């Protein structure tokens, strides 16, 4: 089995093109789940993300959007299909 790739918040932000602050405040605990996508070594404050798990789930189609159909999320939670 291959060695997992551990990334800090800054390294992850460079790979997925999101600001590090957005990852910490909006994606963590809503999209990125502790124990699946990230963990806190030794129970501390530092967060390490598991790149393989994040990459796998980024490729999985959303249940809200049919395959092959693009959608734009709106602030009220709806999706615009265009």
PDB file of N, CA and C in Angstrom:
ATOM      1  N   UNK A   1       0.834  -1.175   0.000  1.00  0.00           N
ATOM      2  CA  UNK A   1       0.000   0.000   0.000  1.00  0.00           C
ATOM      3  C   UNK A   1       0.885   1.247   0.000  1.00  0.00           C
ATOM      4  N   UNK A   2       0.503   2.246  -0.763  1.00  0.00           N
ATOM      5  CA  UNK A   2       1.289   3.474  -0.888  1.00  0.00           C
ATOM      6  C   UNK A   2       1.185   4.325   0.376  1.00  0.00           C
ATOM      7  N   UNK A   3       2.230   5.053   0.646  1.00  0.00           N
ATOM      8  CA  UNK A   3       2.267   5.962   1.787  1.00  0.00           C
ATOM      9  C   UNK A   3       1.294   7.114   1.535  1.00  0.00           C
ATOM     10  N   UNK A   4       0.413   7.454   2.483  1.00  0.00           N
ATOM     11  CA  UNK A   4      -0.516   8.581   2.274  1.00  0.00           C
ATOM     12  C   UNK A   4       0.233   9.917   2.234  1.00  0.00           C
ATOM     13  N   UNK A   5      -0.350  10.865   1.526  1.00  0.00           N
ATOM     14  CA  UNK A   5       0.233  12.196   1.406  1.00  0.00           C
ATOM     15  C   UNK A   5      -0.457  13.121   2.394  1.00  0.00           C
ATOM     16  N   UNK A   6       0.296  13.637   3.356  1.00  0.00           N
ATOM     17  CA  UNK A   6      -0.235  14.546   4.358  1.00  0.00           C
ATOM     18  C   UNK A   6       0.073  15.977   3.946  1.00  0.00           C
ATOM     19  N   UNK A   7      -0.941  16.852   3.995  1.00  0.00           N
ATOM     20  CA  UNK A   7      -0.779  18.239   3.595  1.00  0.00           C
ATOM     21  C   UNK A   7      -1.221  19.176   4.712  1.00  0.00           C
ATOM     22  N   UNK A   8      -0.534  20.286   4.836  1.00  0.00           N
ATOM     23  CA  UNK A   8      -0.991  21.337   5.742  1.00  0.00           C
ATOM     24  C   UNK A   8      -2.099  22.120   5.027  1.00  0.00           C
ATOM     25  N   UNK A   9      -2.733  23.027   5.726  1.00  0.00           N
ATOM     26  CA  UNK A   9      -3.792  23.839   5.128  1.00  0.00           C
ATOM     27  C   UNK A   9      -3.255  24.666   3.964  1.00  0.00           C
ATOM     28  N   UNK A  10      -2.076  25.241   4.113  1.00  0.00           N
ATOM     29  CA  UNK A  10      -1.487  26.047   3.035  1.00  0.00           C
ATOM     30  C   UNK A  10      -1.168  25.198   1.808  1.00  0.00           C
ATOM     31  N   UNK A  11      -0.640  24.000   2.014  1.00  0.00           N
ATOM     32  CA  UNK A  11      -0.329  23.110   0.884  1.00  0.00           C
ATOM     33  C   UNK A  11      -1.607  22.667   0.178  1.00  0.00           C
ATOM     34  N   UNK A  12      -2.651  22.372   0.948  1.00  0.00           N
ATOM     35  CA  UNK A  12      -3.928  21.983   0.345  1.00  0.00           C
ATOM     36  C   UNK A  12      -4.520  23.136  -0.446  1.00  0.00           C
ATOM     37  N   UNK A  13      -4.408  24.346   0.069  1.00  0.00           N
ATOM     38  CA  UNK A  13      -4.974  25.501  -0.634  1.00  0.00           C
ATOM     39  C   UNK A  13      -4.306  25.707  -1.997  1.00  0.00           C
ATOM     40  N   UNK A  14      -3.030  25.408  -2.104  1.00  0.00           N
ATOM     41  CA  UNK A  14      -2.341  25.517  -3.387  1.00  0.00           C
ATOM     42  C   UNK A  14      -2.820  24.460  -4.365  1.00  0.00           C
ATOM     43  N   UNK A  15      -3.147  23.279  -3.869  1.00  0.00           N
ATOM     44  CA  UNK A  15      -3.576  22.191  -4.762  1.00  0.00           C
ATOM     45  C   UNK A  15      -5.004  22.351  -5.249  1.00  0.00           C
ATOM     46  N   UNK A  16      -5.917  22.802  -4.389  1.00  0.00           N
ATOM     47  CA  UNK A  16      -7.319  22.870  -4.796  1.00  0.00           C
ATOM     48  C   UNK A  16      -7.757  24.292  -5.144  1.00  0.00           C
ATOM     49  N   UNK A  17      -6.829  25.244  -5.083  1.00  0.00           N
ATOM     50  CA  UNK A  17      -7.078  26.636  -5.489  1.00  0.00           C
ATOM     51  C   UNK A  17      -8.178  27.311  -4.662  1.00  0.00           C
ATOM     52  N   UNK A  18      -8.190  27.034  -3.379  1.00  0.00           N
ATOM     53  CA  UNK A  18      -9.039  27.740  -2.418  1.00  0.00           C
ATOM     54  C   UNK A  18      -8.120  28.424  -1.428  1.00  0.00           C
ATOM     55  N   UNK A  19      -8.548  29.546  -0.897  1.00  0.00           N
ATOM     56  CA  UNK A  19      -7.777  30.248   0.117  1.00  0.00           C
ATOM     57  C   UNK A  19      -7.713  29.390   1.385  1.00  0.00           C
ATOM     58  N   UNK A  20      -6.587  29.434   2.090  1.00  0.00           N
ATOM     59  CA  UNK A  20      -6.424  28.648   3.314  1.00  0.00           C
ATOM     60  C   UNK A  20      -7.492  29.001   4.348  1.00  0.00           C
ATOM     61  N   UNK A  21      -7.848  30.277   4.422  1.00  0.00           N
ATOM     62  CA  UNK A  21      -8.886  30.711   5.367  1.00  0.00           C
ATOM     63  C   UNK A  21     -10.249  30.103   5.011  1.00  0.00           C
ATOM     64  N   UNK A  22     -10.567  30.013   3.723  1.00  0.00           N
ATOM     65  CA  UNK A  22     -11.821  29.392   3.285  1.00  0.00           C
ATOM     66  C   UNK A  22     -11.846  27.919   3.672  1.00  0.00           C
ATOM     67  N   UNK A  23     -10.737  27.244   3.525  1.00  0.00           N
ATOM     68  CA  UNK A  23     -10.666  25.827   3.906  1.00  0.00           C
ATOM     69  C   UNK A  23     -10.940  25.672   5.395  1.00  0.00           C
ATOM     70  N   UNK A  24     -10.285  26.495   6.213  1.00  0.00           N
ATOM     71  CA  UNK A  24     -10.448  26.395   7.669  1.00  0.00           C
ATOM     72  C   UNK A  24     -11.853  26.776   8.123  1.00  0.00           C
ATOM     73  N   UNK A  25     -12.436  27.822   7.548  1.00  0.00           N
ATOM     74  CA  UNK A  25     -13.698  28.355   8.059  1.00  0.00           C
ATOM     75  C   UNK A  25     -14.940  27.779   7.400  1.00  0.00           C
ATOM     76  N   UNK A  26     -14.866  27.393   6.127  1.00  0.00           N
ATOM     77  CA  UNK A  26     -16.066  26.954   5.422  1.00  0.00           C
ATOM     78  C   UNK A  26     -16.067  25.475   5.035  1.00  0.00           C
ATOM     79  N   UNK A  27     -14.940  24.963   4.583  1.00  0.00           N
ATOM     80  CA  UNK A  27     -14.907  23.580   4.106  1.00  0.00           C
ATOM     81  C   UNK A  27     -14.703  22.568   5.225  1.00  0.00           C
ATOM     82  N   UNK A  28     -13.867  22.934   6.209  1.00  0.00           N
ATOM     83  CA  UNK A  28     -13.586  22.012   7.311  1.00  0.00           C
ATOM     84  C   UNK A  28     -14.861  21.783   8.112  1.00  0.00           C
ATOM     85  N   UNK A  29     -15.172  20.528   8.377  1.00  0.00           N
ATOM     86  CA  UNK A  29     -16.332  20.070   9.138  1.00  0.00           C
ATOM     87  C   UNK A  29     -17.657  20.177   8.389  1.00  0.00           C
ATOM     88  N   UNK A  30     -17.673  20.712   7.160  1.00  0.00           N
ATOM     89  CA  UNK A  30     -18.900  20.666   6.370  1.00  0.00           C
ATOM     90  C   UNK A  30     -18.690  19.798   5.135  1.00  0.00           C
ATOM     91  N   UNK A  31     -17.590  20.024   4.441  1.00  0.00           N
ATOM     92  CA  UNK A  31     -17.246  19.225   3.261  1.00  0.00           C
ATOM     93  C   UNK A  31     -16.123  18.255   3.596  1.00  0.00           C
ATOM     94  N   UNK A  32     -15.129  18.753   4.302  1.00  0.00           N
ATOM     95  CA  UNK A  32     -13.997  17.926   4.715  1.00  0.00           C
ATOM     96  C   UNK A  32     -14.258  17.429   6.134  1.00  0.00           C
ATOM     97  N   UNK A  33     -14.339  16.122   6.295  1.00  0.00           N
ATOM     98  CA  UNK A  33     -14.743  15.504   7.545  1.00  0.00           C
ATOM     99  C   UNK A  33     -13.534  14.988   8.317  1.00  0.00           C
ATOM    100  N   UNK A  34     -13.513  15.292   9.625  1.00  0.00           N
ATOM    101  CA  UNK A  34     -12.422  14.820  10.478  1.00  0.00           C
ATOM    102  C   UNK A  34     -12.468  13.299  10.564  1.00  0.00           C
ATOM    103  N   UNK A  35     -11.328  12.673  10.419  1.00  0.00           N
ATOM    104  CA  UNK A  35     -11.235  11.215  10.436  1.00  0.00           C
ATOM    105  C   UNK A  35     -11.264  10.618   9.045  1.00  0.00           C
ATOM    106  N   UNK A  36     -11.843  11.330   8.081  1.00  0.00           N
ATOM    107  CA  UNK A  36     -11.865  10.876   6.695  1.00  0.00           C
ATOM    108  C   UNK A  36     -10.902  11.691   5.851  1.00  0.00           C
ATOM    109  N   UNK A  37     -11.036  13.021   5.906  1.00  0.00           N
ATOM    110  CA  UNK A  37     -10.225  13.909   5.079  1.00  0.00           C
ATOM    111  C   UNK A  37      -9.084  14.582   5.843  1.00  0.00           C
ATOM    112  N   UNK A  38      -9.196  14.666   7.151  1.00  0.00           N
ATOM    113  CA  UNK A  38      -8.134  15.286   7.935  1.00  0.00           C
ATOM    114  C   UNK A  38      -8.124  14.734   9.344  1.00  0.00           C
ATOM    115  N   UNK A  39      -7.036  14.979  10.047  1.00  0.00           N
ATOM    116  CA  UNK A  39      -6.929  14.586  11.448  1.00  0.00           C
ATOM    117  C   UNK A  39      -6.021  15.573  12.168  1.00  0.00           C
ATOM    118  N   UNK A  40      -6.063  15.502  13.479  1.00  0.00           N
ATOM    119  CA  UNK A  40      -5.239  16.360  14.328  1.00  0.00           C
ATOM    120  C   UNK A  40      -4.237  15.455  15.042  1.00  0.00           C
ATOM    121  N   UNK A  41      -2.962  15.485  14.602  1.00  0.00           N
ATOM    122  CA  UNK A  41      -1.974  14.610  15.240  1.00  0.00           C
ATOM    123  C   UNK A  41      -1.781  14.955  16.713  1.00  0.00           C
ATOM    124  N   UNK A  42      -1.756  13.936  17.530  1.00  0.00           N
ATOM    125  CA  UNK A  42      -1.547  14.048  18.971  1.00  0.00           C
ATOM    126  C   UNK A  42      -2.607  14.906  19.654  1.00  0.00           C
ATOM    127  N   UNK A  43      -3.779  15.055  19.042  1.00  0.00           N
ATOM    128  CA  UNK A  43      -4.865  15.816  19.641  1.00  0.00           C
ATOM    129  C   UNK A  43      -4.608  17.303  19.715  1.00  0.00           C
ATOM    130  N   UNK A  44      -3.673  17.805  18.941  1.00  0.00           N
ATOM    131  CA  UNK A  44      -3.297  19.219  18.992  1.00  0.00           C
ATOM    132  C   UNK A  44      -4.132  20.097  18.093  1.00  0.00           C
ATOM    133  N   UNK A  45      -3.648  21.309  17.886  1.00  0.00           N
ATOM    134  CA  UNK A  45      -4.355  22.285  17.057  1.00  0.00           C
ATOM    135  C   UNK A  45      -4.017  22.140  15.575  1.00  0.00           C
ATOM    136  N   UNK A  46      -2.845  21.624  15.268  1.00  0.00           N
ATOM    137  CA  UNK A  46      -2.413  21.483  13.881  1.00  0.00           C
ATOM    138  C   UNK A  46      -3.313  20.480  13.154  1.00  0.00           C
ATOM    139  N   UNK A  47      -3.610  20.769  11.889  1.00  0.00           N
ATOM    140  CA  UNK A  47      -4.468  19.910  11.076  1.00  0.00           C
ATOM    141  C   UNK A  47      -3.648  19.389   9.900  1.00  0.00           C
ATOM    142  N   UNK A  48      -3.709  18.087   9.657  1.00  0.00           N
ATOM    143  CA  UNK A  48      -3.087  17.482   8.484  1.00  0.00           C
ATOM    144  C   UNK A  48      -4.179  16.854   7.634  1.00  0.00           C
ATOM    145  N   UNK A  49      -4.187  17.187   6.358  1.00  0.00           N
ATOM    146  CA  UNK A  49      -5.184  16.689   5.425  1.00  0.00           C
ATOM    147  C   UNK A  49      -4.632  15.495   4.670  1.00  0.00           C
ATOM    148  N   UNK A  50      -5.478  14.524   4.374  1.00  0.00           N
ATOM    149  CA  UNK A  50      -5.111  13.331   3.615  1.00  0.00           C
ATOM    150  C   UNK A  50      -5.476  13.568   2.148  1.00  0.00           C
ATOM    151  N   UNK A  51      -4.480  13.802   1.321  1.00  0.00           N
ATOM    152  CA  UNK A  51      -4.711  14.179  -0.066  1.00  0.00           C
ATOM    153  C   UNK A  51      -5.467  13.104  -0.845  1.00  0.00           C
ATOM    154  N   UNK A  52      -5.142  11.851  -0.672  1.00  0.00           N
ATOM    155  CA  UNK A  52      -5.793  10.787  -1.443  1.00  0.00           C
ATOM    156  C   UNK A  52      -7.301  10.742  -1.183  1.00  0.00           C
ATOM    157  N   UNK A  53      -7.720  10.926   0.069  1.00  0.00           N
ATOM    158  CA  UNK A  53      -9.148  10.914   0.403  1.00  0.00           C
ATOM    159  C   UNK A  53      -9.851  12.127  -0.197  1.00  0.00           C
ATOM    160  N   UNK A  54      -9.230  13.284  -0.151  1.00  0.00           N
ATOM    161  CA  UNK A  54      -9.830  14.497  -0.711  1.00  0.00           C
ATOM    162  C   UNK A  54      -9.927  14.382  -2.223  1.00  0.00           C
ATOM    163  N   UNK A  55      -8.867  13.919  -2.864  1.00  0.00           N
ATOM    164  CA  UNK A  55      -8.865  13.763  -4.318  1.00  0.00           C
ATOM    165  C   UNK A  55      -9.928  12.759  -4.763  1.00  0.00           C
ATOM    166  N   UNK A  56     -10.062  11.647  -4.037  1.00  0.00           N
ATOM    167  CA  UNK A  56     -11.071  10.633  -4.348  1.00  0.00           C
ATOM    168  C   UNK A  56     -12.472  11.226  -4.284  1.00  0.00           C
ATOM    169  N   UNK A  57     -12.755  11.981  -3.233  1.00  0.00           N
ATOM    170  CA  UNK A  57     -14.098  12.525  -3.060  1.00  0.00           C
ATOM    171  C   UNK A  57     -14.386  13.704  -3.979  1.00  0.00           C
ATOM    172  N   UNK A  58     -13.353  14.392  -4.438  1.00  0.00           N
ATOM    173  CA  UNK A  58     -13.558  15.474  -5.408  1.00  0.00           C
ATOM    174  C   UNK A  58     -13.998  14.899  -6.757  1.00  0.00           C
ATOM    175  N   UNK A  59     -13.572  13.704  -7.070  1.00  0.00           N
ATOM    176  CA  UNK A  59     -13.927  13.072  -8.341  1.00  0.00           C
ATOM    177  C   UNK A  59     -15.299  12.400  -8.309  1.00  0.00           C
ATOM    178  N   UNK A  60     -15.845  12.175  -7.123  1.00  0.00           N
ATOM    179  CA  UNK A  60     -17.143  11.527  -6.983  1.00  0.00           C
ATOM    180  C   UNK A  60     -18.240  12.522  -7.327  1.00  0.00           C
ATOM    181  N   UNK A  61     -19.156  12.174  -8.252  1.00  0.00           N
ATOM    182  CA  UNK A  61     -20.217  13.116  -8.596  1.00  0.00           C
ATOM    183  C   UNK A  61     -21.163  13.346  -7.406  1.00  0.00           C
ATOM    184  N   UNK A  62     -21.650  14.550  -7.307  1.00  0.00           N
ATOM    185  CA  UNK A  62     -22.575  14.906  -6.238  1.00  0.00           C
ATOM    186  C   UNK A  62     -23.921  14.226  -6.452  1.00  0.00           C
ATOM    187  N   UNK A  63     -24.592  13.894  -5.383  1.00  0.00           N
ATOM    188  CA  UNK A  63     -25.924  13.294  -5.492  1.00  0.00           C
ATOM    189  C   UNK A  63     -26.958  14.330  -5.910  1.00  0.00           C
ATOM    190  N   UNK A  64     -26.672  15.610  -5.719  1.00  0.00           N
ATOM    191  CA  UNK A  64     -27.609  16.679  -6.069  1.00  0.00           C
ATOM    192  C   UNK A  64     -27.595  17.015  -7.548  1.00  0.00           C
ATOM    193  N   UNK A  65     -26.495  16.726  -8.230  1.00  0.00           N
ATOM    194  CA  UNK A  65     -26.333  17.110  -9.622  1.00  0.00           C
ATOM    195  C   UNK A  65     -26.252  15.874 -10.510  1.00  0.00           C
ATOM    196  N   UNK A  66     -27.121  15.762 -11.516  1.00  0.00           N
ATOM    197  CA  UNK A  66     -27.035  14.624 -12.429  1.00  0.00           C
ATOM    198  C   UNK A  66     -25.692  14.603 -13.153  1.00  0.00           C
ATOM    199  N   UNK A  67     -25.215  13.407 -13.477  1.00  0.00           N
ATOM    200  CA  UNK A  67     -23.926  13.250 -14.146  1.00  0.00           C
ATOM    201  C   UNK A  67     -23.975  13.939 -15.501  1.00  0.00           C
ATOM    202  N   UNK A  68     -22.952  14.710 -15.798  1.00  0.00           N
ATOM    203  CA  UNK A  68     -22.867  15.393 -17.083  1.00  0.00           C
ATOM    204  C   UNK A  68     -23.574  16.737 -17.108  1.00  0.00           C
ATOM    205  N   UNK A  69     -24.259  17.115 -16.052  1.00  0.00           N
ATOM    206  CA  UNK A  69     -24.966  18.386 -16.029  1.00  0.00           C
ATOM    207  C   UNK A  69     -24.245  19.341 -15.101  1.00  0.00           C
ATOM    208  N   UNK A  70     -23.893  20.508 -15.597  1.00  0.00           N
ATOM    209  CA  UNK A  70     -23.212  21.472 -14.747  1.00  0.00           C
ATOM    210  C   UNK A  70     -24.240  22.279 -13.969  1.00  0.00           C
ATOM    211  N   UNK A  71     -23.886  22.649 -12.759  1.00  0.00           N
ATOM    212  CA  UNK A  71     -24.778  23.435 -11.914  1.00  0.00           C
ATOM    213  C   UNK A  71     -23.951  24.455 -11.149  1.00  0.00           C
ATOM    214  N   UNK A  72     -24.563  25.592 -10.898  1.00  0.00           N
ATOM    215  CA  UNK A  72     -23.909  26.657 -10.147  1.00  0.00           C
ATOM    216  C   UNK A  72     -24.656  26.820  -8.832  1.00  0.00           C
ATOM    217  N   UNK A  73     -23.973  26.649  -7.694  1.00  0.00           N
ATOM    218  CA  UNK A  73     -24.655  26.800  -6.414  1.00  0.00           C
ATOM    219  C   UNK A  73     -24.984  28.265  -6.132  1.00  0.00           C
ATOM    220  N   UNK A  74     -26.151  28.498  -5.536  1.00  0.00           N
ATOM    221  CA  UNK A  74     -26.582  29.848  -5.175  1.00  0.00           C
ATOM    222  C   UNK A  74     -26.527  30.002  -3.662  1.00  0.00           C
ATOM    223  N   UNK A  75     -26.538  31.233  -3.192  1.00  0.00           N
ATOM    224  CA  UNK A  75     -26.430  31.523  -1.762  1.00  0.00           C
ATOM    225  C   UNK A  75     -27.584  30.926  -0.961  1.00  0.00           C
ATOM    226  N   UNK A  76     -28.768  30.814  -1.558  1.00  0.00           N
ATOM    227  CA  UNK A  76     -29.924  30.291  -0.826  1.00  0.00           C
ATOM    228  C   UNK A  76     -29.970  28.761  -0.803  1.00  0.00           C
ATOM    229  N   UNK A  77     -28.968  28.110  -1.372  1.00  0.00           N
ATOM    230  CA  UNK A  77     -28.910  26.650  -1.354  1.00  0.00           C
ATOM    231  C   UNK A  77     -29.405  26.003  -2.635  1.00  0.00           C
ATOM    232  N   UNK A  78     -30.050  26.761  -3.515  1.00  0.00           N
ATOM    233  CA  UNK A  78     -30.541  26.216  -4.777  1.00  0.00           C
ATOM    234  C   UNK A  78     -29.401  26.080  -5.765  1.00  0.00           C
ATOM    235  N   UNK A  79     -29.668  25.398  -6.878  1.00  0.00           N
ATOM    236  CA  UNK A  79     -28.666  25.210  -7.929  1.00  0.00           C
ATOM    237  C   UNK A  79     -29.224  25.783  -9.227  1.00  0.00           C
ATOM    238  N   UNK A  80     -28.384  26.474  -9.978  1.00  0.00           N
ATOM    239  CA  UNK A  80     -28.755  27.001 -11.290  1.00  0.00           C
ATOM    240  C   UNK A  80     -28.160  26.062 -12.334  1.00  0.00           C
ATOM    241  N   UNK A  81     -29.008  25.494 -13.155  1.00  0.00           N
ATOM    242  CA  UNK A  81     -28.563  24.592 -14.220  1.00  0.00           C
ATOM    243  C   UNK A  81     -28.585  25.384 -15.521  1.00  0.00           C
ATOM    244  N   UNK A  82     -27.419  25.534 -16.131  1.00  0.00           N
ATOM    245  CA  UNK A  82     -27.396  26.400 -17.313  1.00  0.00           C
ATOM    246  C   UNK A  82     -26.764  25.787 -18.423  1.00  0.00           C
TER     247      UNK A  82
END
